[in-house]
Amino acid sequence: MKPDRAQAIRQFLFSNGSSAIAAIAQAVGASIPTLRRDLAELEEMGVVVRTHGGARLADQFEVEVAFEQREAAAILAKRAIGDLAYEMLQPGSSIFLDSGTTVLQLARRIRVNPLPLNVFTNCLPAAQMLIDVEGVKVTLLGGQLRKENSSVVGPLAEEMLERLWFRQLFLGAGAIAEDGAMSSVDENEARLNSVMIARAEQRILLADASKFGQRLTYRVASITDVQTLITDEGLSPEWAERIAGFGLRLRRAEIPQAAAA
């Protein structure tokens, strides 16, 4: 089975739920006999569950594909932001990487261009990405696993953070409102983020332009609690002026034109 066809099957089942074989075959451009073989292989791998005349994603892969889709959103901007954040790293220092998908792009850059770092994180994908990188020591917080974000949260994670101190925190944001309030869709994520902010000397917010002018349920902190904002060139002039009023250092990442094309 071609990897791109397997990915297409997963994405279709995530978007459409339990579906008939004929519909899946048409969506991914495969014959029905070929698709049946693909589904049998994916079922053996635990990716899908075949039903009478169709298939659906296995429960754990619903979560994985959801994370992949969030990570893929505004991916060029997130990569550019991650590259700019990489320039701020100080070899030999202790840093914390939040579980945001933009922060994950910084972890990817560290993997490509390793630096000696002591990395703490509550993000499972970031920990897995860096675990075998030479010179990088990785510590994953303990606590409750939040499957929706592949992150570790809860009282145990908060207690562990209270005993640590970081040179730099690289923090993502679910939403940033006009009054500067950063917010999250999850209460435990919001509470853990606020503890991170209190335990770092340099607090650097990584957020693409789509996050501004939004508000989610649980407040994390004020944007004035961070010192530097790294975003992309899609940030509006109005928001750039507002950020200056909040007293933050603003850095805007350029998306390479070749990549944007």
Protein backbone atom coordinates (compact mmCIF):
# COMPACT_ATOMS: atom_id res chain seq x y z
CA MET A 1 0.00 0.00 0.00
CA LYS A 2 1.33 3.42 -0.93
CA PRO A 3 1.88 5.68 2.11
CA ASP A 4 0.01 8.57 0.48
CA ARG A 5 -3.02 6.35 -0.13
CA ALA A 6 -2.97 5.12 3.47
CA GLN A 7 -2.87 8.76 4.61
CA ALA A 8 -5.74 9.63 2.27
CA ILE A 9 -7.86 6.79 3.69
CA ARG A 10 -7.21 7.96 7.24
CA GLN A 11 -8.02 11.58 6.44
CA PHE A 12 -11.25 10.61 4.62
CA LEU A 13 -12.45 8.44 7.50
CA PHE A 14 -11.60 11.15 10.01
CA SER A 15 -13.59 13.76 8.06
CA ASN A 16 -16.53 11.54 7.15
CA GLY A 17 -16.77 8.96 9.93
CA SER A 18 -17.87 5.39 9.18
CA SER A 19 -18.10 5.17 5.37
CA ALA A 20 -19.01 2.72 2.64
CA ILE A 21 -16.19 1.03 0.73
CA ALA A 22 -17.36 2.50 -2.58
CA ALA A 23 -17.22 6.05 -1.17
CA ILE A 24 -13.74 5.54 0.26
CA ALA A 25 -12.47 4.00 -2.99
CA GLN A 26 -13.77 6.92 -5.03
CA ALA A 27 -12.29 9.49 -2.63
CA VAL A 28 -8.79 8.00 -2.67
CA GLY A 29 -8.75 6.95 -6.33
CA ALA A 30 -8.44 3.20 -5.79
CA SER A 31 -10.36 0.24 -7.16
CA ILE A 32 -12.64 -1.57 -4.73
CA PRO A 33 -10.48 -4.77 -4.70
CA THR A 34 -7.38 -2.63 -4.00
CA LEU A 35 -9.18 -0.73 -1.27
CA ARG A 36 -10.34 -3.96 0.38
CA ARG A 37 -6.72 -5.11 0.56
CA ASP A 38 -5.68 -1.72 1.96
CA LEU A 39 -8.38 -1.83 4.62
CA ALA A 40 -7.39 -5.38 5.62
CA GLU A 41 -3.78 -4.22 6.04
CA LEU A 42 -4.80 -1.12 8.00
CA GLU A 43 -7.03 -3.23 10.24
CA GLU A 44 -4.11 -5.53 11.05
CA MET A 45 -2.13 -2.42 12.04
CA GLY A 46 -4.96 -1.27 14.32
CA VAL A 47 -5.65 1.86 12.26
CA VAL A 48 -9.17 1.06 11.05
CA VAL A 49 -12.09 -1.12 12.04
CA ARG A 50 -13.93 -2.75 9.13
CA THR A 51 -17.71 -2.71 9.32
CA HIS A 52 -20.38 -4.38 7.18
CA GLY A 53 -19.74 -2.89 3.75
CA GLY A 54 -17.43 -0.16 5.01
CA ALA A 55 -14.87 0.99 7.59
CA ARG A 56 -14.16 3.56 10.29
CA LEU A 57 -11.06 4.81 12.07
CA ALA A 58 -10.04 3.02 15.26
CA ASP A 59 -10.63 5.23 18.29
CA GLN A 60 -6.97 6.00 19.04
CA PHE A 61 -6.34 7.06 15.46
CA GLU A 62 -9.21 9.56 15.59
CA VAL A 63 -7.08 11.42 18.13
CA GLU A 64 -3.86 11.11 16.11
CA VAL A 65 -5.40 12.40 12.89
CA ALA A 66 -7.02 15.31 14.76
CA PHE A 67 -3.57 16.32 16.08
CA GLU A 68 -2.10 15.96 12.58
CA GLN A 69 -4.74 18.26 11.13
CA ARG A 70 -4.12 20.94 13.78
CA GLU A 71 -0.39 20.64 13.22
CA ALA A 72 -0.84 21.01 9.45
CA ALA A 73 -2.91 24.21 9.77
CA ALA A 74 -0.80 27.26 8.78
CA ILE A 75 2.19 24.92 8.61
CA LEU A 76 4.45 27.28 6.62
CA ALA A 77 3.89 30.08 9.13
CA LYS A 78 4.52 27.72 12.05
CA ARG A 79 7.77 26.48 10.53
CA ALA A 80 8.96 30.05 9.95
CA ILE A 81 8.10 30.96 13.54
CA GLY A 82 9.95 27.86 14.78
CA ASP A 83 13.03 28.87 12.77
CA LEU A 84 13.02 32.34 14.30
CA ALA A 85 12.58 30.89 17.80
CA TYR A 86 15.55 28.60 17.18
CA GLU A 87 17.76 31.69 16.80
CA MET A 88 16.97 32.62 20.42
CA LEU A 89 18.22 29.34 21.89
CA GLN A 90 21.29 29.45 24.10
CA PRO A 91 23.46 26.30 24.01
CA GLY A 92 23.74 24.58 27.38
CA SER A 93 20.61 26.17 28.84
CA SER A 94 17.44 24.64 30.27
CA ILE A 95 14.31 25.31 28.26
CA PHE A 96 10.66 24.30 28.41
CA LEU A 97 8.68 23.42 25.28
CA ASP A 98 4.91 23.73 25.61
CA SER A 99 2.57 21.29 23.84
CA GLY A 100 1.44 23.74 21.13
CA THR A 101 1.78 22.69 17.50
CA THR A 102 3.79 25.84 16.69
CA VAL A 103 6.25 25.02 19.48
CA LEU A 104 6.53 21.53 17.98
CA GLN A 105 8.09 23.12 14.90
CA LEU A 106 10.87 24.45 17.14
CA ALA A 107 11.46 20.90 18.36
CA ARG A 108 11.70 19.77 14.74
CA ARG A 109 14.33 22.45 14.06
CA ILE A 110 16.35 21.34 17.11
CA ARG A 111 16.28 17.80 15.75
CA VAL A 112 17.60 18.98 12.37
CA ASN A 113 20.23 21.31 13.88
CA PRO A 114 21.06 19.91 17.33
CA LEU A 115 22.29 22.10 20.17
CA PRO A 116 23.35 21.01 23.66
CA LEU A 117 20.16 21.68 25.63
CA ASN A 118 18.34 20.50 28.71
CA VAL A 119 14.77 20.24 27.38
CA PHE A 120 11.71 19.87 29.59
CA THR A 121 8.29 19.39 28.01
CA ASN A 122 4.75 18.17 28.57
CA CYS A 123 4.39 17.37 24.86
CA LEU A 124 4.70 13.70 23.92
CA PRO A 125 5.49 14.33 20.21
CA ALA A 126 8.24 16.80 21.15
CA ALA A 127 9.77 14.36 23.65
CA GLN A 128 9.71 11.54 21.08
CA MET A 129 11.22 13.80 18.44
CA LEU A 130 14.18 14.79 20.62
CA ILE A 131 14.79 11.65 22.66
CA ASP A 132 17.64 10.36 20.47
CA VAL A 133 19.19 13.70 19.48
CA GLU A 134 22.83 13.90 20.53
CA GLY A 135 23.49 16.57 23.13
CA VAL A 136 19.83 17.06 24.00
CA LYS A 137 18.67 15.83 27.40
CA VAL A 138 14.89 15.40 27.50
CA THR A 139 12.67 15.36 30.60
CA LEU A 140 8.96 14.66 30.16
CA LEU A 141 6.61 15.88 32.89
CA GLY A 142 4.62 13.23 34.73
CA GLY A 143 0.88 13.45 35.15
CA GLN A 144 -2.41 12.86 33.37
CA LEU A 145 -2.27 12.21 29.63
CA ARG A 146 -4.58 14.50 27.66
CA LYS A 147 -5.12 12.55 24.48
CA GLU A 148 -6.67 15.45 22.53
CA ASN A 149 -3.35 17.30 22.55
CA SER A 150 -0.89 14.44 23.15
CA SER A 151 0.16 16.32 26.28
CA VAL A 152 0.67 15.73 30.01
CA VAL A 153 -1.36 17.88 32.42
CA GLY A 154 -2.84 17.82 35.91
CA PRO A 155 -1.74 18.31 39.54
CA LEU A 156 1.32 16.04 39.30
CA ALA A 157 2.67 17.97 36.31
CA GLU A 158 2.01 21.27 38.08
CA GLU A 159 3.78 20.07 41.24
CA MET A 160 6.82 18.98 39.23
CA LEU A 161 6.98 22.38 37.53
CA GLU A 162 6.94 24.15 40.89
CA ARG A 163 10.33 22.54 41.66
CA LEU A 164 11.97 23.62 38.39
CA TRP A 165 13.36 26.81 36.86
CA PHE A 166 14.01 27.43 33.16
CA ARG A 167 16.14 29.89 31.27
CA GLN A 168 13.55 30.03 28.46
CA LEU A 169 9.91 29.04 28.01
CA PHE A 170 8.53 28.61 24.51
CA LEU A 171 4.78 28.84 24.87
CA GLY A 172 1.97 28.34 22.37
CA ALA A 173 -1.49 29.90 22.56
CA GLY A 174 -4.93 28.65 21.63
CA ALA A 175 -6.29 32.19 21.36
CA ILE A 176 -5.33 35.78 22.14
CA ALA A 177 -8.13 38.30 22.73
CA GLU A 178 -8.15 42.06 22.13
CA ASP A 179 -7.54 42.74 25.82
CA GLY A 180 -4.41 40.58 25.73
CA ALA A 181 -5.93 37.57 27.48
CA MET A 182 -4.43 34.26 26.36
CA SER A 183 -6.84 31.35 26.62
CA SER A 184 -7.16 27.61 26.07
CA VAL A 185 -9.92 25.17 25.27
CA ASP A 186 -8.91 22.98 28.24
CA GLU A 187 -8.87 23.93 31.94
CA ASN A 188 -5.91 21.71 32.84
CA GLU A 189 -3.81 22.98 29.93
CA ALA A 190 -4.59 26.58 30.95
CA ARG A 191 -3.59 26.00 34.57
CA LEU A 192 -0.35 24.25 33.61
CA ASN A 193 0.53 27.04 31.16
CA SER A 194 0.17 29.62 33.92
CA VAL A 195 2.60 27.63 36.11
CA MET A 196 5.09 27.45 33.22
CA ILE A 197 5.04 31.22 32.92
CA ALA A 198 5.87 31.59 36.61
CA ARG A 199 8.86 29.25 36.37
CA ALA A 200 10.81 30.81 33.47
CA GLU A 201 13.22 33.72 33.20
CA GLN A 202 12.54 34.41 29.50
CA ARG A 203 8.97 33.82 28.31
CA ILE A 204 8.56 33.61 24.55
CA LEU A 205 5.15 33.25 22.92
CA LEU A 206 4.93 31.47 19.56
CA ALA A 207 1.61 32.15 17.82
CA ASP A 208 0.66 32.40 14.17
CA ALA A 209 -1.53 35.30 13.05
CA SER A 210 -4.75 33.23 13.06
CA LYS A 211 -4.69 33.04 16.88
CA PHE A 212 -5.24 36.79 17.38
CA GLY A 213 -8.66 38.29 18.00
CA GLN A 214 -9.94 34.96 19.37
CA ARG A 215 -11.05 33.86 22.84
CA LEU A 216 -11.46 30.37 24.30
CA THR A 217 -13.06 29.18 27.52
CA TYR A 218 -10.19 29.04 30.02
CA ARG A 219 -7.89 31.99 30.70
CA VAL A 220 -4.16 31.25 30.83
CA ALA A 221 -2.59 34.65 31.57
CA SER A 222 -2.19 38.11 30.12
CA ILE A 223 0.04 38.51 27.11
CA THR A 224 1.92 41.07 29.23
CA ASP A 225 3.23 38.10 31.27
CA VAL A 226 5.48 37.16 28.34
CA GLN A 227 8.32 39.30 27.04
CA THR A 228 8.66 38.30 23.40
CA LEU A 229 6.10 37.42 20.75
CA ILE A 230 7.14 35.58 17.61
CA THR A 231 4.44 35.50 14.96
CA ASP A 232 4.26 35.64 11.17
CA GLU A 233 3.94 38.46 8.68
CA GLY A 234 0.19 37.90 8.50
CA LEU A 235 -0.29 39.84 11.74
CA SER A 236 -2.38 42.93 11.02
CA PRO A 237 -1.01 46.47 11.57
CA GLU A 238 -3.72 47.00 14.21
CA TRP A 239 -2.52 44.01 16.16
CA ALA A 240 1.13 45.02 15.77
CA GLU A 241 0.25 48.39 17.31
CA ARG A 242 -1.66 46.70 20.11
CA ILE A 243 1.31 44.38 20.84
CA ALA A 244 3.60 47.40 21.05
CA GLY A 245 1.19 48.96 23.54
CA PHE A 246 1.42 45.84 25.68
CA GLY A 247 5.19 46.37 25.83
CA LEU A 248 6.24 43.14 24.13
CA ARG A 249 9.18 42.65 21.83
CA LEU A 250 7.63 41.67 18.50
CA ARG A 251 9.40 39.49 15.94
CA ARG A 252 7.69 38.55 12.69
CA ALA A 253 8.83 35.54 10.70
CA GLU A 254 8.92 35.77 6.92
CA ILE A 255 7.59 32.84 4.94
CA PRO A 256 10.02 32.12 2.08
CA GLN A 257 8.33 32.98 -1.21
CA ALA A 258 9.41 29.72 -2.82
CA ALA A 259 7.76 27.78 0.01
CA ALA A 260 4.67 29.95 -0.05
CA ALA A 261 4.27 29.35 -3.77
